Amino acid sequence: MAKHTPQTMRGQFLEAFKTAYALRNVPLPKPSAPDDILIKVDAASYCHTDYVLAQGQMPGLPKAFPHIGCHEFAGTVVSHFDSPSSKASAFKEGDRVGVPGRAFHPCGSCFECQGSKDPVGRDEKGYSIYCPHSENNGLSKHGGFAEYAVVDARQLAPIPAALSAVETAPLMCAGITIYAALKRCQLEKGDRVGIIGAGGGLGHLGLQYGVKMGYKVHGVDAADAPLRLANGLNTGARIVDARFEKAVDIVQQLGAEDGKKDRGEMGLDAVIILPETQAAFDYGMALLKSHGKCVVVSFPEDGFHISARDVVFRDISIIGSLVGSNRVLREMLNFSAEHNVRAITKSISLPRLNGLVEEYHKGEGGKLVIDMAMTD
């Protein structure tokens, strides 16, 4: 361990479900396996999943209390295990890295790790972000709401010079999730895609990615603050207020633009569902033309009701999307740097994490980030 590294750190701990975070001083964690790397956390982003976990809505998680949350963070490499693997050795002390929560210590031998048929950027054999036996920073093991964290070198991505830690942290879950969902739409340039929930953490990034990928993007939301955020991005996407514009009217307008008369030819080629409401799901499905794709990212506790008629008579494909592989993660970061895709963020210091949670419940869109450089 580097000589300047302290022996203790501050961390924000959940000590029970449905309670506030508690700031505690604890010993520094240490790398315990060849792929382990100790990083100094520079920024940690708050995700909806952090709220779900804290409410006790993820069965079996966390494995124990007290628990440090956050599965989307960024930091700087501090030290390695005594005998590091080749993957770990590739990251040098001082390197800036992005950390998604998934796939800490995957088994390397299961169906997923040996090369499953994930169509969006499988990783090399022996590692998979879908490994059912792996740990997950911020969920099953400690995450980024602390000054230091132990991470797996295989899950990391180098941060491009154009991106700061605060800009990178939200991309480690929100960014990679919406980027991978867009790839699952399998669109061509000029195709139309709808982002349902366009003003939220994932949605406002999706607007930017979709436009920069060359798609005709329709962003849909139904609340004032997220709509203001989506409109304020000035991406060129069409922003729709679902409270006042019916899906059927939008479809008719698009049909008129294209000179189409048959319902099956009119509408969007794909939609991505981000909110957890049935109304949002139904609105997205109603926007699709025949043979379109509905990519579902949200997972409400009671699920969604799906019309068999949409699936059978309109040939709508309903596809789930969780996150992207490490290869796609690196692609997404480089794309973000090159095309100036950035999350709209509000930052706060680590001791004020509970205040950040209060901000989250206001539902004003964008992303909320702990910036470790901020003073108390």
Protein backbone atom coordinates (compact mmCIF):
# COMPACT_ATOMS: atom_id res chain seq x y z
CA MET A 1 0.00 0.00 0.00
CA ALA A 2 1.26 3.46 -0.88
CA LYS A 3 2.93 5.25 2.03
CA HIS A 4 0.57 8.24 1.85
CA THR A 5 -2.54 6.08 2.11
CA PRO A 6 -4.28 6.34 5.51
CA GLN A 7 -5.19 3.28 7.54
CA THR A 8 -8.81 4.32 8.10
CA MET A 9 -11.55 5.87 5.98
CA ARG A 10 -14.97 7.40 6.26
CA GLY A 11 -17.95 5.55 4.83
CA GLN A 12 -21.71 6.02 4.75
CA PHE A 13 -23.37 2.90 6.13
CA LEU A 14 -26.89 1.54 6.00
CA GLU A 15 -27.44 -0.09 9.38
CA ALA A 16 -30.99 -1.33 8.71
CA PHE A 17 -33.67 -1.08 6.05
CA LYS A 18 -35.62 2.19 5.78
CA THR A 19 -33.12 4.15 7.87
CA ALA A 20 -30.82 7.06 7.13
CA TYR A 21 -27.16 6.53 6.27
CA ALA A 22 -24.68 6.77 9.15
CA LEU A 23 -21.19 8.23 8.63
CA ARG A 24 -18.60 6.03 10.31
CA ASN A 25 -14.81 5.79 10.47
CA VAL A 26 -13.57 2.27 9.70
CA PRO A 27 -10.31 0.49 8.74
CA LEU A 28 -9.33 0.62 5.08
CA PRO A 29 -10.31 -2.48 3.07
CA LYS A 30 -7.44 -4.50 1.59
CA PRO A 31 -7.08 -6.40 -1.71
CA SER A 32 -7.39 -10.11 -0.97
CA ALA A 33 -7.19 -11.76 -4.41
CA PRO A 34 -5.00 -11.36 -7.53
CA ASP A 35 -7.61 -9.34 -9.45
CA ASP A 36 -8.30 -6.98 -6.52
CA ILE A 37 -7.38 -3.30 -6.66
CA LEU A 38 -7.76 -0.70 -3.93
CA ILE A 39 -9.00 2.61 -5.29
CA LYS A 40 -9.54 6.01 -3.76
CA VAL A 41 -13.14 6.89 -4.59
CA ASP A 42 -13.37 10.29 -6.29
CA ALA A 43 -17.10 10.37 -7.10
CA ALA A 44 -20.08 8.13 -6.35
CA SER A 45 -23.48 8.45 -8.00
CA TYR A 46 -26.87 7.74 -6.42
CA CYS A 47 -29.13 5.36 -8.36
CA HIS A 48 -32.78 4.32 -8.03
CA THR A 49 -31.48 0.86 -7.13
CA ASP A 50 -29.80 2.38 -4.04
CA TYR A 51 -33.26 3.46 -2.89
CA VAL A 52 -34.80 0.06 -3.70
CA LEU A 53 -32.04 -1.69 -1.74
CA ALA A 54 -32.42 0.62 1.25
CA GLN A 55 -36.15 -0.08 1.32
CA GLY A 56 -35.58 -3.84 1.55
CA GLN A 57 -37.06 -4.54 -1.88
CA MET A 58 -34.16 -6.65 -3.18
CA PRO A 59 -34.55 -10.07 -1.51
CA GLY A 60 -31.34 -11.31 0.08
CA LEU A 61 -29.54 -7.98 -0.37
CA PRO A 62 -27.51 -6.63 1.20
CA LYS A 63 -26.04 -9.78 2.68
CA ALA A 64 -25.32 -8.08 6.00
CA PHE A 65 -25.53 -4.80 7.87
CA PRO A 66 -23.87 -2.37 8.21
CA HIS A 67 -23.54 -1.92 4.45
CA ILE A 68 -21.92 0.66 2.14
CA GLY A 69 -24.08 1.28 -0.92
CA CYS A 70 -23.39 2.70 -4.42
CA HIS A 71 -22.76 0.62 -7.52
CA GLU A 72 -21.75 3.44 -9.90
CA PHE A 73 -18.56 5.25 -8.97
CA ALA A 74 -15.16 6.41 -10.18
CA GLY A 75 -11.77 6.62 -8.54
CA THR A 76 -8.00 6.43 -8.68
CA VAL A 77 -5.88 3.27 -8.34
CA VAL A 78 -3.99 3.14 -5.05
CA SER A 79 -2.60 -0.39 -4.69
CA HIS A 80 -2.81 -4.04 -5.80
CA PHE A 81 -2.74 -7.48 -4.22
CA ASP A 82 0.78 -8.69 -3.36
CA SER A 83 0.80 -10.98 -6.42
CA PRO A 84 -1.49 -9.22 -8.90
CA SER A 85 -2.98 -10.85 -11.98
CA SER A 86 -2.16 -9.61 -15.47
CA LYS A 87 -5.52 -7.84 -15.60
CA ALA A 88 -4.81 -6.00 -12.36
CA SER A 89 -1.22 -5.17 -13.37
CA ALA A 90 -2.57 -3.40 -16.45
CA PHE A 91 -3.84 -0.67 -14.11
CA LYS A 92 -1.05 1.39 -12.56
CA GLU A 93 -1.08 3.46 -9.38
CA GLY A 94 -2.64 6.81 -10.22
CA ASP A 95 -4.78 5.51 -13.10
CA ARG A 96 -8.33 6.89 -13.15
CA VAL A 97 -10.99 4.20 -13.45
CA GLY A 98 -14.74 3.87 -13.70
CA VAL A 99 -16.40 1.17 -11.60
CA PRO A 100 -19.75 -0.47 -12.40
CA GLY A 101 -21.07 -2.50 -9.50
CA ARG A 102 -21.55 -5.79 -11.28
CA ALA A 103 -19.26 -8.81 -11.58
CA PHE A 104 -16.84 -8.58 -8.66
CA HIS A 105 -15.11 -12.00 -8.57
CA PRO A 106 -17.17 -13.89 -11.18
CA CYS A 107 -16.74 -17.66 -11.05
CA GLY A 108 -15.20 -17.97 -14.53
CA SER A 109 -16.76 -21.36 -15.23
CA CYS A 110 -20.55 -20.96 -15.39
CA PHE A 111 -22.64 -20.73 -18.58
CA GLU A 112 -22.37 -16.94 -18.61
CA CYS A 113 -18.63 -16.78 -17.96
CA GLN A 114 -17.92 -19.42 -20.60
CA GLY A 115 -19.62 -17.38 -23.32
CA SER A 116 -23.41 -17.12 -23.22
CA LYS A 117 -25.35 -15.79 -26.21
CA ASP A 118 -25.72 -12.22 -25.01
CA PRO A 119 -26.11 -10.31 -28.31
CA VAL A 120 -24.69 -7.03 -26.96
CA GLY A 121 -20.95 -7.24 -26.56
CA ARG A 122 -19.96 -10.43 -24.81
CA ASP A 123 -16.72 -10.22 -22.84
CA GLU A 124 -13.83 -12.60 -23.34
CA LYS A 125 -14.25 -16.14 -22.07
CA GLY A 126 -13.85 -16.50 -18.32
CA TYR A 127 -15.58 -13.28 -17.32
CA SER A 128 -19.18 -12.11 -17.53
CA ILE A 129 -21.13 -9.27 -15.96
CA TYR A 130 -24.07 -11.71 -15.81
CA CYS A 131 -22.30 -14.34 -13.69
CA PRO A 132 -24.87 -15.47 -11.08
CA HIS A 133 -22.12 -16.33 -8.62
CA SER A 134 -20.32 -12.98 -8.61
CA GLU A 135 -20.55 -10.27 -5.99
CA ASN A 136 -21.75 -6.75 -6.75
CA ASN A 137 -20.22 -3.58 -5.29
CA GLY A 138 -22.90 -1.62 -3.48
CA LEU A 139 -25.41 -4.48 -3.45
CA SER A 140 -23.99 -7.72 -2.04
CA LYS A 141 -20.68 -6.16 -0.93
CA HIS A 142 -19.49 -2.68 -0.03
CA GLY A 143 -19.63 -0.04 -2.73
CA GLY A 144 -18.68 3.53 -3.47
CA PHE A 145 -20.21 5.65 -0.69
CA ALA A 146 -16.84 5.63 1.06
CA GLU A 147 -13.42 7.17 0.63
CA TYR A 148 -11.86 3.88 -0.56
CA ALA A 149 -13.11 0.64 -2.10
CA VAL A 150 -11.74 -2.71 -3.26
CA VAL A 151 -12.77 -3.50 -6.84
CA ASP A 152 -12.10 -6.21 -9.43
CA ALA A 153 -9.69 -5.17 -12.20
CA ARG A 154 -11.83 -7.03 -14.75
CA GLN A 155 -14.85 -4.83 -14.10
CA LEU A 156 -12.96 -1.54 -14.49
CA ALA A 157 -12.79 0.85 -17.43
CA PRO A 158 -10.13 3.53 -17.97
CA ILE A 159 -11.55 7.05 -17.81
CA PRO A 160 -10.89 9.11 -20.96
CA ALA A 161 -8.97 12.33 -20.33
CA ALA A 162 -11.99 14.43 -21.39
CA LEU A 163 -14.15 13.10 -18.54
CA SER A 164 -13.95 14.04 -14.86
CA ALA A 165 -14.73 11.61 -12.05
CA VAL A 166 -18.05 13.37 -11.35
CA GLU A 167 -18.96 13.08 -15.03
CA THR A 168 -17.91 9.42 -15.13
CA ALA A 169 -19.67 8.06 -12.04
CA PRO A 170 -23.25 8.33 -13.42
CA LEU A 171 -22.15 6.57 -16.59
CA MET A 172 -21.19 3.45 -14.62
CA CYS A 173 -24.84 2.42 -14.27
CA ALA A 174 -27.17 4.95 -15.89
CA GLY A 175 -24.88 5.52 -18.85
CA ILE A 176 -24.01 1.92 -19.65
CA THR A 177 -27.59 0.76 -19.05
CA ILE A 178 -29.22 3.17 -21.51
CA TYR A 179 -26.35 2.85 -24.01
CA ALA A 180 -26.71 -0.94 -24.04
CA ALA A 181 -30.51 -0.64 -24.30
CA LEU A 182 -30.10 1.50 -27.42
CA LYS A 183 -27.80 -1.12 -28.90
CA ARG A 184 -30.40 -3.79 -28.18
CA CYS A 185 -32.88 -1.84 -30.31
CA GLN A 186 -30.75 -2.85 -33.33
CA LEU A 187 -31.54 0.37 -35.19
CA GLU A 188 -30.06 1.91 -38.30
CA LYS A 189 -29.25 5.58 -38.72
CA GLY A 190 -32.43 7.52 -39.42
CA ASP A 191 -34.67 5.07 -37.53
CA ARG A 192 -37.01 6.40 -34.88
CA VAL A 193 -36.64 5.52 -31.19
CA GLY A 194 -38.66 6.58 -28.16
CA ILE A 195 -37.17 7.14 -24.71
CA ILE A 196 -40.03 6.77 -22.24
CA GLY A 197 -38.96 8.60 -19.09
CA ALA A 198 -36.73 11.01 -21.01
CA GLY A 199 -36.02 13.44 -18.17
CA GLY A 200 -34.73 10.93 -15.65
CA GLY A 201 -31.19 9.81 -14.91
CA LEU A 202 -31.08 7.25 -17.72
CA GLY A 203 -33.50 9.02 -20.01
CA HIS A 204 -31.67 12.31 -20.41
CA LEU A 205 -28.49 10.40 -21.26
CA GLY A 206 -30.49 8.29 -23.73
CA LEU A 207 -31.65 11.42 -25.53
CA GLN A 208 -28.03 12.45 -26.04
CA TYR A 209 -26.75 9.03 -27.06
CA GLY A 210 -29.65 8.40 -29.43
CA VAL A 211 -29.24 11.68 -31.30
CA LYS A 212 -25.44 11.29 -31.51
CA MET A 213 -25.94 7.74 -32.86
CA GLY A 214 -27.94 9.20 -35.73
CA TYR A 215 -31.47 8.20 -34.69
CA LYS A 216 -34.62 10.29 -34.72
CA VAL A 217 -35.33 10.44 -31.00
CA HIS A 218 -38.67 11.03 -29.30
CA GLY A 219 -38.36 11.70 -25.57
CA VAL A 220 -41.51 11.14 -23.52
CA ASP A 221 -42.19 12.20 -19.93
CA ALA A 222 -45.14 13.26 -17.81
CA ALA A 223 -43.84 15.62 -15.10
CA ASP A 224 -42.79 19.26 -15.21
CA ALA A 225 -39.22 19.09 -13.88
CA PRO A 226 -38.04 16.13 -16.01
CA LEU A 227 -39.62 17.72 -19.09
CA ARG A 228 -37.78 20.98 -18.39
CA LEU A 229 -34.52 19.08 -18.09
CA ALA A 230 -35.13 17.13 -21.32
CA ASN A 231 -36.06 20.28 -23.25
CA GLY A 232 -33.10 22.15 -21.79
CA LEU A 233 -30.61 19.72 -23.32
CA ASN A 234 -31.38 21.09 -26.80
CA THR A 235 -30.43 17.80 -28.42
CA GLY A 236 -32.81 18.15 -31.34
CA ALA A 237 -34.93 15.27 -30.06
CA ARG A 238 -38.70 15.73 -30.05
CA ILE A 239 -39.86 16.03 -26.44
CA VAL A 240 -43.39 14.83 -25.74
CA ASP A 241 -45.55 15.63 -22.72
CA ALA A 242 -47.59 12.46 -22.33
CA ARG A 243 -50.14 14.28 -20.21
CA PHE A 244 -51.30 16.32 -23.20
CA GLU A 245 -50.20 14.43 -26.33
CA LYS A 246 -51.78 11.06 -27.06
CA ALA A 247 -49.65 8.32 -28.55
CA VAL A 248 -52.18 7.72 -31.32
CA ASP A 249 -51.94 11.36 -32.40
CA ILE A 250 -48.14 11.19 -32.58
CA VAL A 251 -48.36 8.03 -34.67
CA GLN A 252 -50.77 9.74 -37.08
CA GLN A 253 -48.46 12.75 -37.36
CA LEU A 254 -45.50 10.51 -38.20
CA GLY A 255 -47.60 8.67 -40.76
CA ALA A 256 -48.48 11.95 -42.42
CA GLU A 257 -44.81 12.99 -42.45
CA ASP A 258 -43.86 9.73 -44.16
CA GLY A 259 -46.87 9.57 -46.49
CA LYS A 260 -48.04 6.32 -44.91
CA LYS A 261 -51.65 5.26 -44.46
CA ASP A 262 -51.54 1.77 -42.96
CA ARG A 263 -51.28 1.71 -39.17
CA GLY A 264 -48.55 -0.93 -39.25
CA GLU A 265 -46.25 1.41 -41.17
CA MET A 266 -46.69 4.37 -38.84
CA GLY A 267 -44.86 5.08 -35.59
CA LEU A 268 -41.49 4.38 -33.99
CA ASP A 269 -39.11 1.54 -34.77
CA ALA A 270 -38.26 0.98 -31.11
CA VAL A 271 -39.03 2.28 -27.64
CA ILE A 272 -37.15 1.98 -24.35
CA ILE A 273 -39.26 1.79 -21.20
CA LEU A 274 -37.63 3.41 -18.17
CA PRO A 275 -40.52 4.27 -15.76
CA GLU A 276 -42.15 1.59 -13.64
CA THR A 277 -45.78 2.44 -14.44
CA GLN A 278 -48.19 0.51 -16.63
CA ALA A 279 -49.24 3.80 -18.22
CA ALA A 280 -45.68 4.43 -19.41
CA PHE A 281 -45.40 0.90 -20.81
CA ASP A 282 -48.73 1.19 -22.64
CA TYR A 283 -47.80 4.60 -24.05
CA GLY A 284 -44.55 3.22 -25.42
CA MET A 285 -46.22 0.18 -26.98
CA ALA A 286 -48.81 2.42 -28.64
CA LEU A 287 -46.05 4.42 -30.34
CA LEU A 288 -44.55 1.40 -32.12
CA LYS A 289 -45.08 0.45 -35.73
CA SER A 290 -45.50 -3.23 -36.60
CA HIS A 291 -42.37 -5.37 -36.10
CA GLY A 292 -41.04 -2.78 -33.65
CA LYS A 293 -38.99 -3.48 -30.54
CA CYS A 294 -39.94 -2.62 -26.97
CA VAL A 295 -36.85 -2.70 -24.75
CA VAL A 296 -37.75 -2.92 -21.06
CA VAL A 297 -35.24 -1.61 -18.53
CA SER A 298 -37.46 -1.02 -15.49
CA PHE A 299 -38.64 -3.84 -13.25
CA PRO A 300 -41.69 -2.83 -11.17
CA GLU A 301 -42.52 -5.13 -8.29
CA ASP A 302 -45.86 -6.09 -9.85
CA GLY A 303 -44.51 -6.36 -13.40
CA PHE A 304 -46.19 -5.13 -16.60
CA HIS A 305 -49.36 -6.34 -18.28
CA ILE A 306 -48.53 -7.26 -21.88
CA SER A 307 -51.12 -7.45 -24.64
CA ALA A 308 -50.86 -10.73 -26.55
CA ARG A 309 -52.37 -8.92 -29.55
CA ASP A 310 -49.37 -6.62 -29.72
CA VAL A 311 -47.02 -9.58 -29.70
CA VAL A 312 -48.99 -11.81 -32.09
CA PHE A 313 -50.79 -9.51 -34.51
CA ARG A 314 -48.28 -6.64 -34.61
CA ASP A 315 -45.14 -8.78 -34.16
CA ILE A 316 -43.80 -6.52 -31.41
CA SER A 317 -40.66 -7.91 -29.80
CA ILE A 318 -40.38 -7.29 -26.05
CA ILE A 319 -36.76 -7.44 -24.90
CA GLY A 320 -35.25 -7.01 -21.46
CA SER A 321 -32.01 -5.09 -20.96
CA LEU A 322 -29.96 -4.89 -17.78
CA VAL A 323 -26.45 -3.52 -18.35
CA GLY A 324 -23.68 -3.85 -20.91
CA SER A 325 -20.48 -5.86 -20.92
CA ASN A 326 -17.10 -4.46 -19.94
CA ARG A 327 -16.28 -4.10 -23.65
CA VAL A 328 -19.44 -2.06 -24.22
CA LEU A 329 -18.69 -0.07 -21.04
CA ARG A 330 -15.38 1.07 -22.53
CA GLU A 331 -17.05 1.80 -25.86
CA MET A 332 -19.67 3.90 -24.09
CA LEU A 333 -17.06 5.93 -22.17
CA ASN A 334 -15.10 6.68 -25.33
CA PHE A 335 -18.32 7.58 -27.17
CA SER A 336 -19.31 9.92 -24.32
CA ALA A 337 -15.94 11.65 -24.39
CA GLU A 338 -15.87 11.99 -28.19
CA HIS A 339 -19.46 13.20 -28.58
CA ASN A 340 -19.66 15.31 -25.42
CA VAL A 341 -22.41 13.26 -23.78
CA ARG A 342 -22.71 14.30 -20.14
CA ALA A 343 -25.15 13.70 -17.32
CA ILE A 344 -26.82 16.72 -15.77
CA THR A 345 -25.59 16.41 -12.19
CA LYS A 346 -25.98 17.95 -8.78
CA SER A 347 -23.05 17.26 -6.44
CA ILE A 348 -22.79 17.08 -2.67
CA SER A 349 -20.14 16.01 -0.13
CA LEU A 350 -19.96 12.52 1.41
CA PRO A 351 -21.16 13.59 4.90
CA ARG A 352 -24.29 15.07 3.31
CA LEU A 353 -25.44 11.87 1.59
CA ASN A 354 -28.78 11.88 3.39
CA GLY A 355 -29.44 15.33 1.98
CA LEU A 356 -28.75 13.94 -1.47
CA VAL A 357 -31.37 11.23 -0.87
CA GLU A 358 -33.87 13.96 -0.02
CA GLU A 359 -33.02 15.64 -3.33
CA TYR A 360 -33.63 12.33 -5.12
CA HIS A 361 -37.19 12.16 -3.80
CA LYS A 362 -37.97 15.54 -5.35
CA GLY A 363 -37.92 13.80 -8.73
CA GLU A 364 -36.32 16.65 -10.64
CA GLY A 365 -34.40 14.42 -13.06
CA GLY A 366 -30.72 14.18 -13.86
CA LYS A 367 -28.20 12.48 -11.56
CA LEU A 368 -27.07 13.13 -7.98
CA VAL A 369 -23.40 12.59 -7.22
CA ILE A 370 -21.17 12.48 -4.16
CA ASP A 371 -18.06 14.49 -5.02
CA MET A 372 -15.26 13.46 -2.67
CA ALA A 373 -13.38 16.67 -3.44
CA MET A 374 -16.13 18.75 -1.82
CA THR A 375 -15.59 19.78 1.77
CA ASP A 376 -18.08 19.06 4.52
